[in-house]
Amino acid sequence: MSFFIESAMAEGAAAPAGGDPFSLVIMMVVFAAVFYFMIWRPQAKRTKDHKNLMASLSKGDEVVTNGGIVGKITKVNDDFVTLAVSEGVDMHFQKAAVASVLPKGTIKAI
């Protein structure tokens, strides 16, 4: 085994990597662009869509919450909505807990 070590030592030290500093800048710009288009922009779009959804909630809309509860909106306040889950059962939720609005007639179809 010692003959492998000696031959490796005889070759000398490796030359230092002298890459172009401009390529590092290009790599950082490409990384920033990928980060923006793959992570930042889609998340901002989802946030904007959810804010628009919360602003457009109105009485009579059929919605599903983040917890999977389906109901019909009976009352809308600034921060809360009241859902009629079944006959005689009303539940109060924060507007932010509403995940999506369902098409009309979905509750009857379930």
PDB file of N, CA and C in Angstrom:
ATOM      1  N   MET A   1       0.802  -1.187   0.000  1.00  0.00           N
ATOM      2  CA  MET A   1       0.000   0.000   0.000  1.00  0.00           C
ATOM      3  C   MET A   1       0.850   1.258   0.000  1.00  0.00           C
ATOM      4  N   SER A   2       2.021   1.201   0.529  1.00  0.00           N
ATOM      5  CA  SER A   2       2.844   2.402   0.625  1.00  0.00           C
ATOM      6  C   SER A   2       3.293   2.890  -0.744  1.00  0.00           C
ATOM      7  N   PHE A   3       3.331   2.021  -1.746  1.00  0.00           N
ATOM      8  CA  PHE A   3       3.762   2.468  -3.068  1.00  0.00           C
ATOM      9  C   PHE A   3       2.725   3.371  -3.726  1.00  0.00           C
ATOM     10  N   PHE A   4       1.414   3.269  -3.334  1.00  0.00           N
ATOM     11  CA  PHE A   4       0.397   4.179  -3.860  1.00  0.00           C
ATOM     12  C   PHE A   4       0.573   5.579  -3.285  1.00  0.00           C
ATOM     13  N   ILE A   5       0.919   5.638  -2.024  1.00  0.00           N
ATOM     14  CA  ILE A   5       1.086   6.928  -1.371  1.00  0.00           C
ATOM     15  C   ILE A   5       2.289   7.652  -1.945  1.00  0.00           C
ATOM     16  N   GLU A   6       3.360   6.926  -2.159  1.00  0.00           N
ATOM     17  CA  GLU A   6       4.563   7.553  -2.698  1.00  0.00           C
ATOM     18  C   GLU A   6       4.326   8.105  -4.096  1.00  0.00           C
ATOM     19  N   SER A   7       3.593   7.376  -4.927  1.00  0.00           N
ATOM     20  CA  SER A   7       3.355   7.871  -6.283  1.00  0.00           C
ATOM     21  C   SER A   7       2.418   9.084  -6.268  1.00  0.00           C
ATOM     22  N   ALA A   8       1.519   9.113  -5.334  1.00  0.00           N
ATOM     23  CA  ALA A   8       0.638  10.269  -5.237  1.00  0.00           C
ATOM     24  C   ALA A   8       1.415  11.486  -4.766  1.00  0.00           C
ATOM     25  N   MET A   9       2.334  11.305  -3.873  1.00  0.00           N
ATOM     26  CA  MET A   9       3.140  12.415  -3.383  1.00  0.00           C
ATOM     27  C   MET A   9       4.103  12.896  -4.462  1.00  0.00           C
ATOM     28  N   ALA A  10       4.517  12.014  -5.346  1.00  0.00           N
ATOM     29  CA  ALA A  10       5.481  12.378  -6.376  1.00  0.00           C
ATOM     30  C   ALA A  10       4.855  13.257  -7.449  1.00  0.00           C
ATOM     31  N   GLU A  11       3.528  13.180  -7.605  1.00  0.00           N
ATOM     32  CA  GLU A  11       2.876  13.979  -8.634  1.00  0.00           C
ATOM     33  C   GLU A  11       2.861  15.462  -8.302  1.00  0.00           C
ATOM     34  N   GLY A  12       2.983  15.848  -7.078  1.00  0.00           N
ATOM     35  CA  GLY A  12       2.991  17.244  -6.684  1.00  0.00           C
ATOM     36  C   GLY A  12       1.603  17.706  -6.285  1.00  0.00           C
ATOM     37  N   ALA A  13       1.558  18.901  -5.815  1.00  0.00           N
ATOM     38  CA  ALA A  13       0.293  19.465  -5.344  1.00  0.00           C
ATOM     39  C   ALA A  13      -0.570  19.865  -6.534  1.00  0.00           C
ATOM     40  N   ALA A  14      -1.844  19.758  -6.347  1.00  0.00           N
ATOM     41  CA  ALA A  14      -2.776  20.141  -7.410  1.00  0.00           C
ATOM     42  C   ALA A  14      -2.784  21.659  -7.557  1.00  0.00           C
ATOM     43  N   ALA A  15      -2.999  22.120  -8.753  1.00  0.00           N
ATOM     44  CA  ALA A  15      -3.047  23.552  -9.001  1.00  0.00           C
ATOM     45  C   ALA A  15      -4.312  24.133  -8.378  1.00  0.00           C
ATOM     46  N   PRO A  16      -4.211  25.317  -7.799  1.00  0.00           N
ATOM     47  CA  PRO A  16      -5.408  25.915  -7.197  1.00  0.00           C
ATOM     48  C   PRO A  16      -6.445  26.247  -8.269  1.00  0.00           C
ATOM     49  N   ALA A  17      -7.698  26.063  -7.893  1.00  0.00           N
ATOM     50  CA  ALA A  17      -8.781  26.338  -8.837  1.00  0.00           C
ATOM     51  C   ALA A  17      -8.919  27.845  -8.982  1.00  0.00           C
ATOM     52  N   GLY A  18      -8.639  28.336 -10.142  1.00  0.00           N
ATOM     53  CA  GLY A  18      -8.714  29.768 -10.393  1.00  0.00           C
ATOM     54  C   GLY A  18      -9.859  30.078 -11.318  1.00  0.00           C
ATOM     55  N   GLY A  19     -11.105  29.876 -10.828  1.00  0.00           N
ATOM     56  CA  GLY A  19     -12.274  30.116 -11.662  1.00  0.00           C
ATOM     57  C   GLY A  19     -12.492  31.596 -11.903  1.00  0.00           C
ATOM     58  N   ASP A  20     -13.250  31.878 -12.897  1.00  0.00           N
ATOM     59  CA  ASP A  20     -13.568  33.253 -13.254  1.00  0.00           C
ATOM     60  C   ASP A  20     -14.560  33.822 -12.238  1.00  0.00           C
ATOM     61  N   PRO A  21     -14.281  34.960 -11.602  1.00  0.00           N
ATOM     62  CA  PRO A  21     -15.227  35.526 -10.621  1.00  0.00           C
ATOM     63  C   PRO A  21     -16.545  35.953 -11.269  1.00  0.00           C
ATOM     64  N   PHE A  22     -16.507  36.256 -12.551  1.00  0.00           N
ATOM     65  CA  PHE A  22     -17.726  36.643 -13.256  1.00  0.00           C
ATOM     66  C   PHE A  22     -18.705  35.465 -13.344  1.00  0.00           C
ATOM     67  N   SER A  23     -18.186  34.258 -13.438  1.00  0.00           N
ATOM     68  CA  SER A  23     -19.062  33.077 -13.491  1.00  0.00           C
ATOM     69  C   SER A  23     -19.794  32.885 -12.166  1.00  0.00           C
ATOM     70  N   LEU A  24     -19.166  33.260 -11.065  1.00  0.00           N
ATOM     71  CA  LEU A  24     -19.822  33.180  -9.763  1.00  0.00           C
ATOM     72  C   LEU A  24     -20.997  34.160  -9.705  1.00  0.00           C
ATOM     73  N   VAL A  25     -20.814  35.345 -10.247  1.00  0.00           N
ATOM     74  CA  VAL A  25     -21.888  36.335 -10.276  1.00  0.00           C
ATOM     75  C   VAL A  25     -23.041  35.832 -11.140  1.00  0.00           C
ATOM     76  N   ILE A  26     -22.719  35.261 -12.281  1.00  0.00           N
ATOM     77  CA  ILE A  26     -23.758  34.716 -13.164  1.00  0.00           C
ATOM     78  C   ILE A  26     -24.519  33.596 -12.454  1.00  0.00           C
ATOM     79  N   MET A  27     -23.800  32.748 -11.743  1.00  0.00           N
ATOM     80  CA  MET A  27     -24.443  31.648 -11.014  1.00  0.00           C
ATOM     81  C   MET A  27     -25.381  32.180  -9.942  1.00  0.00           C
ATOM     82  N   MET A  28     -24.986  33.223  -9.241  1.00  0.00           N
ATOM     83  CA  MET A  28     -25.843  33.814  -8.211  1.00  0.00           C
ATOM     84  C   MET A  28     -27.097  34.440  -8.825  1.00  0.00           C
ATOM     85  N   VAL A  29     -26.956  35.089  -9.967  1.00  0.00           N
ATOM     86  CA  VAL A  29     -28.108  35.686 -10.650  1.00  0.00           C
ATOM     87  C   VAL A  29     -29.068  34.594 -11.115  1.00  0.00           C
ATOM     88  N   VAL A  30     -28.538  33.522 -11.654  1.00  0.00           N
ATOM     89  CA  VAL A  30     -29.384  32.401 -12.096  1.00  0.00           C
ATOM     90  C   VAL A  30     -30.097  31.781 -10.902  1.00  0.00           C
ATOM     91  N   PHE A  31     -29.392  31.613  -9.801  1.00  0.00           N
ATOM     92  CA  PHE A  31     -30.003  31.059  -8.592  1.00  0.00           C
ATOM     93  C   PHE A  31     -31.118  31.969  -8.085  1.00  0.00           C
ATOM     94  N   ALA A  32     -30.887  33.287  -8.084  1.00  0.00           N
ATOM     95  CA  ALA A  32     -31.905  34.230  -7.632  1.00  0.00           C
ATOM     96  C   ALA A  32     -33.128  34.186  -8.548  1.00  0.00           C
ATOM     97  N   ALA A  33     -32.915  34.065  -9.856  1.00  0.00           N
ATOM     98  CA  ALA A  33     -34.036  33.999 -10.797  1.00  0.00           C
ATOM     99  C   ALA A  33     -34.849  32.723 -10.588  1.00  0.00           C
ATOM    100  N   VAL A  34     -34.181  31.612 -10.384  1.00  0.00           N
ATOM    101  CA  VAL A  34     -34.885  30.345 -10.137  1.00  0.00           C
ATOM    102  C   VAL A  34     -35.673  30.441  -8.838  1.00  0.00           C
ATOM    103  N   PHE A  35     -35.070  31.011  -7.801  1.00  0.00           N
ATOM    104  CA  PHE A  35     -35.756  31.182  -6.519  1.00  0.00           C
ATOM    105  C   PHE A  35     -37.010  32.045  -6.696  1.00  0.00           C
ATOM    106  N   TYR A  36     -36.882  33.138  -7.445  1.00  0.00           N
ATOM    107  CA  TYR A  36     -38.018  34.037  -7.647  1.00  0.00           C
ATOM    108  C   TYR A  36     -39.149  33.349  -8.399  1.00  0.00           C
ATOM    109  N   PHE A  37     -38.842  32.703  -9.518  1.00  0.00           N
ATOM    110  CA  PHE A  37     -39.892  32.119 -10.354  1.00  0.00           C
ATOM    111  C   PHE A  37     -40.444  30.805  -9.808  1.00  0.00           C
ATOM    112  N   MET A  38     -39.687  30.088  -9.010  1.00  0.00           N
ATOM    113  CA  MET A  38     -40.160  28.789  -8.514  1.00  0.00           C
ATOM    114  C   MET A  38     -40.782  28.883  -7.115  1.00  0.00           C
ATOM    115  N   ILE A  39     -40.384  29.865  -6.313  1.00  0.00           N
ATOM    116  CA  ILE A  39     -40.852  29.913  -4.928  1.00  0.00           C
ATOM    117  C   ILE A  39     -41.596  31.212  -4.621  1.00  0.00           C
ATOM    118  N   TRP A  40     -40.958  32.347  -4.784  1.00  0.00           N
ATOM    119  CA  TRP A  40     -41.513  33.622  -4.351  1.00  0.00           C
ATOM    120  C   TRP A  40     -42.779  34.001  -5.117  1.00  0.00           C
ATOM    121  N   ARG A  41     -42.724  33.985  -6.425  1.00  0.00           N
ATOM    122  CA  ARG A  41     -43.846  34.441  -7.249  1.00  0.00           C
ATOM    123  C   ARG A  41     -45.096  33.569  -7.090  1.00  0.00           C
ATOM    124  N   PRO A  42     -44.999  32.230  -7.129  1.00  0.00           N
ATOM    125  CA  PRO A  42     -46.209  31.419  -6.925  1.00  0.00           C
ATOM    126  C   PRO A  42     -46.830  31.607  -5.538  1.00  0.00           C
ATOM    127  N   GLN A  43     -45.985  31.758  -4.515  1.00  0.00           N
ATOM    128  CA  GLN A  43     -46.516  31.959  -3.164  1.00  0.00           C
ATOM    129  C   GLN A  43     -47.235  33.290  -3.063  1.00  0.00           C
ATOM    130  N   ALA A  44     -46.688  34.330  -3.669  1.00  0.00           N
ATOM    131  CA  ALA A  44     -47.338  35.639  -3.658  1.00  0.00           C
ATOM    132  C   ALA A  44     -48.676  35.580  -4.400  1.00  0.00           C
ATOM    133  N   LYS A  45     -48.726  34.818  -5.476  1.00  0.00           N
ATOM    134  CA  LYS A  45     -49.976  34.684  -6.225  1.00  0.00           C
ATOM    135  C   LYS A  45     -51.033  33.952  -5.404  1.00  0.00           C
ATOM    136  N   ARG A  46     -50.635  32.879  -4.698  1.00  0.00           N
ATOM    137  CA  ARG A  46     -51.584  32.153  -3.849  1.00  0.00           C
ATOM    138  C   ARG A  46     -52.110  33.051  -2.735  1.00  0.00           C
ATOM    139  N   THR A  47     -51.236  33.859  -2.148  1.00  0.00           N
ATOM    140  CA  THR A  47     -51.652  34.770  -1.081  1.00  0.00           C
ATOM    141  C   THR A  47     -52.642  35.800  -1.611  1.00  0.00           C
ATOM    142  N   LYS A  48     -52.367  36.349  -2.774  1.00  0.00           N
ATOM    143  CA  LYS A  48     -53.264  37.337  -3.378  1.00  0.00           C
ATOM    144  C   LYS A  48     -54.621  36.712  -3.697  1.00  0.00           C
ATOM    145  N   ASP A  49     -54.622  35.502  -4.248  1.00  0.00           N
ATOM    146  CA  ASP A  49     -55.876  34.817  -4.568  1.00  0.00           C
ATOM    147  C   ASP A  49     -56.698  34.546  -3.309  1.00  0.00           C
ATOM    148  N   HIS A  50     -56.029  34.162  -2.211  1.00  0.00           N
ATOM    149  CA  HIS A  50     -56.743  33.870  -0.970  1.00  0.00           C
ATOM    150  C   HIS A  50     -57.333  35.147  -0.371  1.00  0.00           C
ATOM    151  N   LYS A  51     -56.605  36.254  -0.455  1.00  0.00           N
ATOM    152  CA  LYS A  51     -57.152  37.525   0.033  1.00  0.00           C
ATOM    153  C   LYS A  51     -58.374  37.932  -0.777  1.00  0.00           C
ATOM    154  N   ASN A  52     -58.317  37.748  -2.090  1.00  0.00           N
ATOM    155  CA  ASN A  52     -59.472  38.055  -2.935  1.00  0.00           C
ATOM    156  C   ASN A  52     -60.650  37.148  -2.596  1.00  0.00           C
ATOM    157  N   LEU A  53     -60.373  35.885  -2.294  1.00  0.00           N
ATOM    158  CA  LEU A  53     -61.423  34.940  -1.906  1.00  0.00           C
ATOM    159  C   LEU A  53     -62.097  35.400  -0.622  1.00  0.00           C
ATOM    160  N   MET A  54     -61.297  35.784   0.370  1.00  0.00           N
ATOM    161  CA  MET A  54     -61.862  36.220   1.648  1.00  0.00           C
ATOM    162  C   MET A  54     -62.684  37.500   1.489  1.00  0.00           C
ATOM    163  N   ALA A  55     -62.258  38.389   0.602  1.00  0.00           N
ATOM    164  CA  ALA A  55     -62.989  39.634   0.393  1.00  0.00           C
ATOM    165  C   ALA A  55     -64.306  39.396  -0.351  1.00  0.00           C
ATOM    166  N   SER A  56     -64.374  38.343  -1.144  1.00  0.00           N
ATOM    167  CA  SER A  56     -65.566  38.104  -1.958  1.00  0.00           C
ATOM    168  C   SER A  56     -66.578  37.172  -1.294  1.00  0.00           C
ATOM    169  N   LEU A  57     -66.322  36.726  -0.072  1.00  0.00           N
ATOM    170  CA  LEU A  57     -67.282  35.847   0.599  1.00  0.00           C
ATOM    171  C   LEU A  57     -68.580  36.596   0.874  1.00  0.00           C
ATOM    172  N   SER A  58     -69.684  35.924   0.594  1.00  0.00           N
ATOM    173  CA  SER A  58     -70.986  36.546   0.833  1.00  0.00           C
ATOM    174  C   SER A  58     -71.976  35.496   1.344  1.00  0.00           C
ATOM    175  N   LYS A  59     -73.070  35.993   1.872  1.00  0.00           N
ATOM    176  CA  LYS A  59     -74.111  35.118   2.406  1.00  0.00           C
ATOM    177  C   LYS A  59     -74.644  34.221   1.289  1.00  0.00           C
ATOM    178  N   GLY A  60     -74.779  32.928   1.580  1.00  0.00           N
ATOM    179  CA  GLY A  60     -75.306  31.971   0.608  1.00  0.00           C
ATOM    180  C   GLY A  60     -74.236  31.175  -0.118  1.00  0.00           C
ATOM    181  N   ASP A  61     -72.974  31.584  -0.007  1.00  0.00           N
ATOM    182  CA  ASP A  61     -71.892  30.828  -0.647  1.00  0.00           C
ATOM    183  C   ASP A  61     -71.679  29.504   0.079  1.00  0.00           C
ATOM    184  N   GLU A  62     -71.401  28.471  -0.681  1.00  0.00           N
ATOM    185  CA  GLU A  62     -71.059  27.171  -0.108  1.00  0.00           C
ATOM    186  C   GLU A  62     -69.545  27.061  -0.113  1.00  0.00           C
ATOM    187  N   VAL A  63     -68.977  26.785   1.072  1.00  0.00           N
ATOM    188  CA  VAL A  63     -67.523  26.803   1.217  1.00  0.00           C
ATOM    189  C   VAL A  63     -67.044  25.551   1.931  1.00  0.00           C
ATOM    190  N   VAL A  64     -65.744  25.327   1.823  1.00  0.00           N
ATOM    191  CA  VAL A  64     -65.077  24.282   2.590  1.00  0.00           C
ATOM    192  C   VAL A  64     -63.961  24.960   3.374  1.00  0.00           C
ATOM    193  N   THR A  65     -63.798  24.559   4.639  1.00  0.00           N
ATOM    194  CA  THR A  65     -62.772  25.158   5.490  1.00  0.00           C
ATOM    195  C   THR A  65     -61.473  24.363   5.383  1.00  0.00           C
ATOM    196  N   ASN A  66     -60.440  24.898   6.013  1.00  0.00           N
ATOM    197  CA  ASN A  66     -59.153  24.194   6.032  1.00  0.00           C
ATOM    198  C   ASN A  66     -59.260  22.849   6.737  1.00  0.00           C
ATOM    199  N   GLY A  67     -60.190  22.723   7.651  1.00  0.00           N
ATOM    200  CA  GLY A  67     -60.392  21.465   8.363  1.00  0.00           C
ATOM    201  C   GLY A  67     -61.262  20.478   7.620  1.00  0.00           C
ATOM    202  N   GLY A  68     -61.784  20.865   6.459  1.00  0.00           N
ATOM    203  CA  GLY A  68     -62.591  19.960   5.652  1.00  0.00           C
ATOM    204  C   GLY A  68     -64.081  20.038   5.928  1.00  0.00           C
ATOM    205  N   ILE A  69     -64.515  21.025   6.698  1.00  0.00           N
ATOM    206  CA  ILE A  69     -65.930  21.169   7.009  1.00  0.00           C
ATOM    207  C   ILE A  69     -66.610  21.937   5.877  1.00  0.00           C
ATOM    208  N   VAL A  70     -67.700  21.358   5.384  1.00  0.00           N
ATOM    209  CA  VAL A  70     -68.456  21.971   4.294  1.00  0.00           C
ATOM    210  C   VAL A  70     -69.703  22.606   4.873  1.00  0.00           C
ATOM    211  N   GLY A  71     -69.983  23.836   4.456  1.00  0.00           N
ATOM    212  CA  GLY A  71     -71.171  24.513   4.952  1.00  0.00           C
ATOM    213  C   GLY A  71     -71.558  25.675   4.077  1.00  0.00           C
ATOM    214  N   LYS A  72     -72.713  26.255   4.414  1.00  0.00           N
ATOM    215  CA  LYS A  72     -73.245  27.399   3.682  1.00  0.00           C
ATOM    216  C   LYS A  72     -73.128  28.629   4.583  1.00  0.00           C
ATOM    217  N   ILE A  73     -72.626  29.710   4.038  1.00  0.00           N
ATOM    218  CA  ILE A  73     -72.425  30.925   4.825  1.00  0.00           C
ATOM    219  C   ILE A  73     -73.785  31.565   5.110  1.00  0.00           C
ATOM    220  N   THR A  74     -74.040  31.814   6.416  1.00  0.00           N
ATOM    221  CA  THR A  74     -75.279  32.474   6.812  1.00  0.00           C
ATOM    222  C   THR A  74     -75.042  33.895   7.296  1.00  0.00           C
ATOM    223  N   LYS A  75     -73.796  34.196   7.715  1.00  0.00           N
ATOM    224  CA  LYS A  75     -73.486  35.525   8.225  1.00  0.00           C
ATOM    225  C   LYS A  75     -72.012  35.815   7.983  1.00  0.00           C
ATOM    226  N   VAL A  76     -71.720  37.044   7.547  1.00  0.00           N
ATOM    227  CA  VAL A  76     -70.340  37.445   7.288  1.00  0.00           C
ATOM    228  C   VAL A  76     -70.034  38.711   8.084  1.00  0.00           C
ATOM    229  N   ASN A  77     -68.982  38.669   8.893  1.00  0.00           N
ATOM    230  CA  ASN A  77     -68.481  39.840   9.610  1.00  0.00           C
ATOM    231  C   ASN A  77     -67.133  40.218   9.017  1.00  0.00           C
ATOM    232  N   ASP A  78     -66.456  41.166   9.652  1.00  0.00           N
ATOM    233  CA  ASP A  78     -65.147  41.586   9.157  1.00  0.00           C
ATOM    234  C   ASP A  78     -64.125  40.463   9.223  1.00  0.00           C
ATOM    235  N   ASP A  79     -64.093  39.743  10.344  1.00  0.00           N
ATOM    236  CA  ASP A  79     -63.078  38.708  10.531  1.00  0.00           C
ATOM    237  C   ASP A  79     -63.637  37.291  10.613  1.00  0.00           C
ATOM    238  N   PHE A  80     -64.955  37.153  10.784  1.00  0.00           N
ATOM    239  CA  PHE A  80     -65.545  35.841  11.000  1.00  0.00           C
ATOM    240  C   PHE A  80     -66.691  35.577  10.040  1.00  0.00           C
ATOM    241  N   VAL A  81     -66.949  34.298   9.791  1.00  0.00           N
ATOM    242  CA  VAL A  81     -68.113  33.866   9.032  1.00  0.00           C
ATOM    243  C   VAL A  81     -68.854  32.818   9.857  1.00  0.00           C
ATOM    244  N   THR A  82     -70.155  32.737   9.652  1.00  0.00           N
ATOM    245  CA  THR A  82     -70.966  31.711  10.306  1.00  0.00           C
ATOM    246  C   THR A  82     -71.434  30.755   9.230  1.00  0.00           C
ATOM    247  N   LEU A  83     -71.160  29.466   9.446  1.00  0.00           N
ATOM    248  CA  LEU A  83     -71.540  28.435   8.482  1.00  0.00           C
ATOM    249  C   LEU A  83     -72.672  27.596   9.041  1.00  0.00           C
ATOM    250  N   ALA A  84     -73.662  27.320   8.201  1.00  0.00           N
ATOM    251  CA  ALA A  84     -74.708  26.374   8.543  1.00  0.00           C
ATOM    252  C   ALA A  84     -74.224  25.017   8.045  1.00  0.00           C
ATOM    253  N   VAL A  85     -73.828  24.172   8.983  1.00  0.00           N
ATOM    254  CA  VAL A  85     -73.262  22.877   8.636  1.00  0.00           C
ATOM    255  C   VAL A  85     -74.370  21.869   8.369  1.00  0.00           C
ATOM    256  N   SER A  86     -75.416  21.901   9.178  1.00  0.00           N
ATOM    257  CA  SER A  86     -76.617  21.094   8.958  1.00  0.00           C
ATOM    258  C   SER A  86     -77.777  21.861   9.587  1.00  0.00           C
ATOM    259  N   GLU A  87     -78.960  21.305   9.512  1.00  0.00           N
ATOM    260  CA  GLU A  87     -80.117  22.020  10.054  1.00  0.00           C
ATOM    261  C   GLU A  87     -79.946  22.248  11.545  1.00  0.00           C
ATOM    262  N   GLY A  88     -80.007  23.517  11.939  1.00  0.00           N
ATOM    263  CA  GLY A  88     -79.903  23.862  13.355  1.00  0.00           C
ATOM    264  C   GLY A  88     -78.491  23.894  13.898  1.00  0.00           C
ATOM    265  N   VAL A  89     -77.486  23.648  13.079  1.00  0.00           N
ATOM    266  CA  VAL A  89     -76.091  23.655  13.549  1.00  0.00           C
ATOM    267  C   VAL A  89     -75.326  24.743  12.804  1.00  0.00           C
ATOM    268  N   ASP A  90     -74.990  25.798  13.551  1.00  0.00           N
ATOM    269  CA  ASP A  90     -74.188  26.882  12.994  1.00  0.00           C
ATOM    270  C   ASP A  90     -72.828  26.878  13.669  1.00  0.00           C
ATOM    271  N   MET A  91     -71.801  27.105  12.874  1.00  0.00           N
ATOM    272  CA  MET A  91     -70.433  27.146  13.406  1.00  0.00           C
ATOM    273  C   MET A  91     -69.781  28.450  12.972  1.00  0.00           C
ATOM    274  N   HIS A  92     -68.954  28.996  13.842  1.00  0.00           N
ATOM    275  CA  HIS A  92     -68.262  30.245  13.562  1.00  0.00           C
ATOM    276  C   HIS A  92     -66.803  29.952  13.219  1.00  0.00           C
ATOM    277  N   PHE A  93     -66.317  30.570  12.149  1.00  0.00           N
ATOM    278  CA  PHE A  93     -64.941  30.393  11.689  1.00  0.00           C
ATOM    279  C   PHE A  93     -64.327  31.745  11.365  1.00  0.00           C
ATOM    280  N   GLN A  94     -63.015  31.809  11.454  1.00  0.00           N
ATOM    281  CA  GLN A  94     -62.322  32.983  10.940  1.00  0.00           C
ATOM    282  C   GLN A  94     -62.379  32.924   9.419  1.00  0.00           C
ATOM    283  N   LYS A  95     -62.391  34.087   8.796  1.00  0.00           N
ATOM    284  CA  LYS A  95     -62.433  34.112   7.337  1.00  0.00           C
ATOM    285  C   LYS A  95     -61.212  33.410   6.738  1.00  0.00           C
ATOM    286  N   ALA A  96     -60.080  33.526   7.394  1.00  0.00           N
ATOM    287  CA  ALA A  96     -58.852  32.916   6.874  1.00  0.00           C
ATOM    288  C   ALA A  96     -58.933  31.399   6.857  1.00  0.00           C
ATOM    289  N   ALA A  97     -59.866  30.814   7.616  1.00  0.00           N
ATOM    290  CA  ALA A  97     -60.002  29.360   7.652  1.00  0.00           C
ATOM    291  C   ALA A  97     -60.769  28.811   6.457  1.00  0.00           C
ATOM    292  N   VAL A  98     -61.361  29.684   5.657  1.00  0.00           N
ATOM    293  CA  VAL A  98     -62.090  29.232   4.470  1.00  0.00           C
ATOM    294  C   VAL A  98     -61.079  28.919   3.376  1.00  0.00           C
ATOM    295  N   ALA A  99     -61.074  27.675   2.914  1.00  0.00           N
ATOM    296  CA  ALA A  99     -60.096  27.238   1.916  1.00  0.00           C
ATOM    297  C   ALA A  99     -60.562  27.543   0.499  1.00  0.00           C
ATOM    298  N   SER A 100     -61.835  27.284   0.208  1.00  0.00           N
ATOM    299  CA  SER A 100     -62.314  27.540  -1.147  1.00  0.00           C
ATOM    300  C   SER A 100     -63.836  27.635  -1.152  1.00  0.00           C
ATOM    301  N   VAL A 101     -64.328  28.250  -2.216  1.00  0.00           N
ATOM    302  CA  VAL A 101     -65.773  28.360  -2.440  1.00  0.00           C
ATOM    303  C   VAL A 101     -66.171  27.239  -3.389  1.00  0.00           C
ATOM    304  N   LEU A 102     -67.234  26.538  -3.040  1.00  0.00           N
ATOM    305  CA  LEU A 102     -67.715  25.423  -3.850  1.00  0.00           C
ATOM    306  C   LEU A 102     -68.788  25.901  -4.821  1.00  0.00           C
ATOM    307  N   PRO A 103     -68.997  25.186  -5.902  1.00  0.00           N
ATOM    308  CA  PRO A 103     -70.096  25.533  -6.815  1.00  0.00           C
ATOM    309  C   PRO A 103     -71.448  25.361  -6.120  1.00  0.00           C
ATOM    310  N   LYS A 104     -72.410  26.157  -6.533  1.00  0.00           N
ATOM    311  CA  LYS A 104     -73.757  26.088  -5.937  1.00  0.00           C
ATOM    312  C   LYS A 104     -74.342  24.677  -6.105  1.00  0.00           C
ATOM    313  N   GLY A 105     -74.979  24.181  -5.073  1.00  0.00           N
ATOM    314  CA  GLY A 105     -75.614  22.873  -5.116  1.00  0.00           C
ATOM    315  C   GLY A 105     -74.710  21.728  -4.715  1.00  0.00           C
ATOM    316  N   THR A 106     -73.488  22.022  -4.314  1.00  0.00           N
ATOM    317  CA  THR A 106     -72.561  20.971  -3.929  1.00  0.00           C
ATOM    318  C   THR A 106     -73.018  20.272  -2.654  1.00  0.00           C
ATOM    319  N   ILE A 107     -73.539  21.039  -1.707  1.00  0.00           N
ATOM    320  CA  ILE A 107     -73.952  20.447  -0.423  1.00  0.00           C
ATOM    321  C   ILE A 107     -75.102  19.467  -0.625  1.00  0.00           C
ATOM    322  N   LYS A 108     -76.025  19.794  -1.495  1.00  0.00           N
ATOM    323  CA  LYS A 108     -77.140  18.876  -1.749  1.00  0.00           C
ATOM    324  C   LYS A 108     -76.689  17.626  -2.468  1.00  0.00           C
ATOM    325  N   ALA A 109     -75.627  17.750  -3.252  1.00  0.00           N
ATOM    326  CA  ALA A 109     -75.117  16.599  -3.998  1.00  0.00           C
ATOM    327  C   ALA A 109     -74.338  15.629  -3.116  1.00  0.00           C
ATOM    328  N   ILE A 110     -73.902  16.114  -1.989  1.00  0.00           N
ATOM    329  CA  ILE A 110     -73.079  15.255  -1.109  1.00  0.00           C
ATOM    330  C   ILE A 110     -73.929  14.254  -0.401  1.00  0.00           C
TER     331      ILE A 110
END
